[in-house]
Amino acid sequence: MHPAAYLAMIPVEPDSCLTIAMAPDENRQTCCRVVFGETDGWDVRLEVGDDVVSVRHCEDWHRVERVCSEIYCLWADTHTEPSARK
């Protein structure tokens, strides 16, 4: 089984994670979800619809913040309309 397919099947309890909503992508719920790692640290998961499309393990919280910020900015740049120019 492909690792990404395995990750998509791992259930995450809503109260055991931090979820950051993203701009919608073709009516699919999209979020960046931070969950506790199995041994230490945290796993940052980008979820589009029911699929986990990216996972990054971080051992310190500052790295988690940077990764979430980078994902959010990249997603917003590619999935929102540019501001109207004045």
C-alpha atoms as a PDB file:
ATOM      1  CA  MET A   1       0.000   0.000   0.000  1.00  0.00           C
ATOM      2  CA  HIS A   2       1.302   3.476  -0.886  1.00  0.00           C
ATOM      3  CA  PRO A   3       2.237   5.473   2.278  1.00  0.00           C
ATOM      4  CA  ALA A   4      -0.092   8.362   1.365  1.00  0.00           C
ATOM      5  CA  ALA A   5      -3.022   5.940   1.048  1.00  0.00           C
ATOM      6  CA  TYR A   6      -2.233   4.555   4.503  1.00  0.00           C
ATOM      7  CA  LEU A   7      -2.110   8.057   6.011  1.00  0.00           C
ATOM      8  CA  ALA A   8      -5.468   8.962   4.520  1.00  0.00           C
ATOM      9  CA  MET A   9      -7.027   6.149   6.551  1.00  0.00           C
ATOM     10  CA  ILE A  10      -5.628   7.252   9.933  1.00  0.00           C
ATOM     11  CA  PRO A  11      -8.565   8.694  11.908  1.00  0.00           C
ATOM     12  CA  VAL A  12      -7.985  11.931  13.801  1.00  0.00           C
ATOM     13  CA  GLU A  13     -10.225  12.885  16.673  1.00  0.00           C
ATOM     14  CA  PRO A  14     -11.343  16.534  16.292  1.00  0.00           C
ATOM     15  CA  ASP A  15     -10.406  17.411  19.880  1.00  0.00           C
ATOM     16  CA  SER A  16      -6.882  15.956  19.603  1.00  0.00           C
ATOM     17  CA  CYS A  17      -5.599  18.226  16.856  1.00  0.00           C
ATOM     18  CA  LEU A  18      -5.277  21.809  15.689  1.00  0.00           C
ATOM     19  CA  THR A  19      -7.109  22.472  12.410  1.00  0.00           C
ATOM     20  CA  ILE A  20      -6.436  25.504  10.209  1.00  0.00           C
ATOM     21  CA  ALA A  21      -9.052  25.998   7.485  1.00  0.00           C
ATOM     22  CA  MET A  22      -7.851  26.908   3.989  1.00  0.00           C
ATOM     23  CA  ALA A  23      -9.555  28.552   1.004  1.00  0.00           C
ATOM     24  CA  PRO A  24     -11.937  26.020  -0.588  1.00  0.00           C
ATOM     25  CA  ASP A  25     -10.745  24.031  -3.583  1.00  0.00           C
ATOM     26  CA  GLU A  26     -13.623  23.076  -5.889  1.00  0.00           C
ATOM     27  CA  ASN A  27     -15.995  22.670  -2.922  1.00  0.00           C
ATOM     28  CA  ARG A  28     -13.695  20.250  -1.101  1.00  0.00           C
ATOM     29  CA  GLN A  29     -12.926  20.953   2.526  1.00  0.00           C
ATOM     30  CA  THR A  30      -9.249  21.813   2.795  1.00  0.00           C
ATOM     31  CA  CYS A  31      -7.269  22.183   5.983  1.00  0.00           C
ATOM     32  CA  CYS A  32      -3.864  22.018   7.572  1.00  0.00           C
ATOM     33  CA  ARG A  33      -4.126  19.681  10.561  1.00  0.00           C
ATOM     34  CA  VAL A  34      -1.539  19.378  13.343  1.00  0.00           C
ATOM     35  CA  VAL A  35      -1.596  16.119  15.305  1.00  0.00           C
ATOM     36  CA  PHE A  36       0.701  14.617  17.919  1.00  0.00           C
ATOM     37  CA  GLY A  37       3.421  12.442  16.387  1.00  0.00           C
ATOM     38  CA  GLU A  38       3.544   8.775  17.342  1.00  0.00           C
ATOM     39  CA  THR A  39       6.792   9.097  19.316  1.00  0.00           C
ATOM     40  CA  ASP A  40       7.486  12.812  19.758  1.00  0.00           C
ATOM     41  CA  GLY A  41       6.746  16.131  18.115  1.00  0.00           C
ATOM     42  CA  TRP A  42       3.896  16.813  15.732  1.00  0.00           C
ATOM     43  CA  ASP A  43       2.755  15.827  12.250  1.00  0.00           C
ATOM     44  CA  VAL A  44       1.506  18.620   9.991  1.00  0.00           C
ATOM     45  CA  ARG A  45      -0.978  17.216   7.439  1.00  0.00           C
ATOM     46  CA  LEU A  46      -2.449  19.012   4.436  1.00  0.00           C
ATOM     47  CA  GLU A  47      -5.871  17.488   3.784  1.00  0.00           C
ATOM     48  CA  VAL A  48      -7.947  18.141   0.663  1.00  0.00           C
ATOM     49  CA  GLY A  49     -11.359  16.531   0.868  1.00  0.00           C
ATOM     50  CA  ASP A  50     -10.844  13.046   2.305  1.00  0.00           C
ATOM     51  CA  ASP A  51      -7.237  12.822   1.095  1.00  0.00           C
ATOM     52  CA  VAL A  52      -4.028  13.551   2.975  1.00  0.00           C
ATOM     53  CA  VAL A  53      -1.835  15.115   0.308  1.00  0.00           C
ATOM     54  CA  SER A  54       1.177  16.030   2.429  1.00  0.00           C
ATOM     55  CA  VAL A  55       2.632  15.109   5.820  1.00  0.00           C
ATOM     56  CA  ARG A  56       5.614  16.675   7.520  1.00  0.00           C
ATOM     57  CA  HIS A  57       6.941  15.667  10.932  1.00  0.00           C
ATOM     58  CA  CYS A  58       8.274  18.463  13.152  1.00  0.00           C
ATOM     59  CA  GLU A  59      10.081  17.978  16.439  1.00  0.00           C
ATOM     60  CA  ASP A  60       9.685  21.537  17.736  1.00  0.00           C
ATOM     61  CA  TRP A  61       6.624  23.777  17.813  1.00  0.00           C
ATOM     62  CA  HIS A  62       8.359  26.704  16.068  1.00  0.00           C
ATOM     63  CA  ARG A  63       8.896  24.484  13.017  1.00  0.00           C
ATOM     64  CA  VAL A  64       5.186  23.552  13.111  1.00  0.00           C
ATOM     65  CA  GLU A  65       4.256  27.238  13.053  1.00  0.00           C
ATOM     66  CA  ARG A  66       6.575  27.932  10.096  1.00  0.00           C
ATOM     67  CA  VAL A  67       5.331  24.922   8.111  1.00  0.00           C
ATOM     68  CA  CYS A  68       1.655  25.849   8.703  1.00  0.00           C
ATOM     69  CA  SER A  69       2.340  29.439   7.702  1.00  0.00           C
ATOM     70  CA  GLU A  70       4.150  28.380   4.514  1.00  0.00           C
ATOM     71  CA  ILE A  71       1.356  25.961   3.556  1.00  0.00           C
ATOM     72  CA  TYR A  72      -1.322  28.577   4.240  1.00  0.00           C
ATOM     73  CA  CYS A  73       0.466  31.264   2.176  1.00  0.00           C
ATOM     74  CA  LEU A  74       1.157  28.932  -0.750  1.00  0.00           C
ATOM     75  CA  TRP A  75      -2.425  27.666  -0.729  1.00  0.00           C
ATOM     76  CA  ALA A  76      -3.880  31.181  -0.562  1.00  0.00           C
ATOM     77  CA  ASP A  77      -1.633  32.366  -3.410  1.00  0.00           C
ATOM     78  CA  THR A  78      -2.881  29.614  -5.698  1.00  0.00           C
ATOM     79  CA  HIS A  79      -6.531  29.304  -4.606  1.00  0.00           C
ATOM     80  CA  THR A  80      -7.766  32.840  -4.091  1.00  0.00           C
ATOM     81  CA  GLU A  81      -8.307  35.710  -6.481  1.00  0.00           C
ATOM     82  CA  PRO A  82      -5.743  38.511  -6.395  1.00  0.00           C
ATOM     83  CA  SER A  83      -6.815  41.782  -4.753  1.00  0.00           C
ATOM     84  CA  ALA A  84      -8.180  44.453  -7.043  1.00  0.00           C
ATOM     85  CA  ARG A  85      -5.504  46.991  -7.982  1.00  0.00           C
ATOM     86  CA  LYS A  86      -6.128  50.627  -7.113  1.00  0.00           C
END
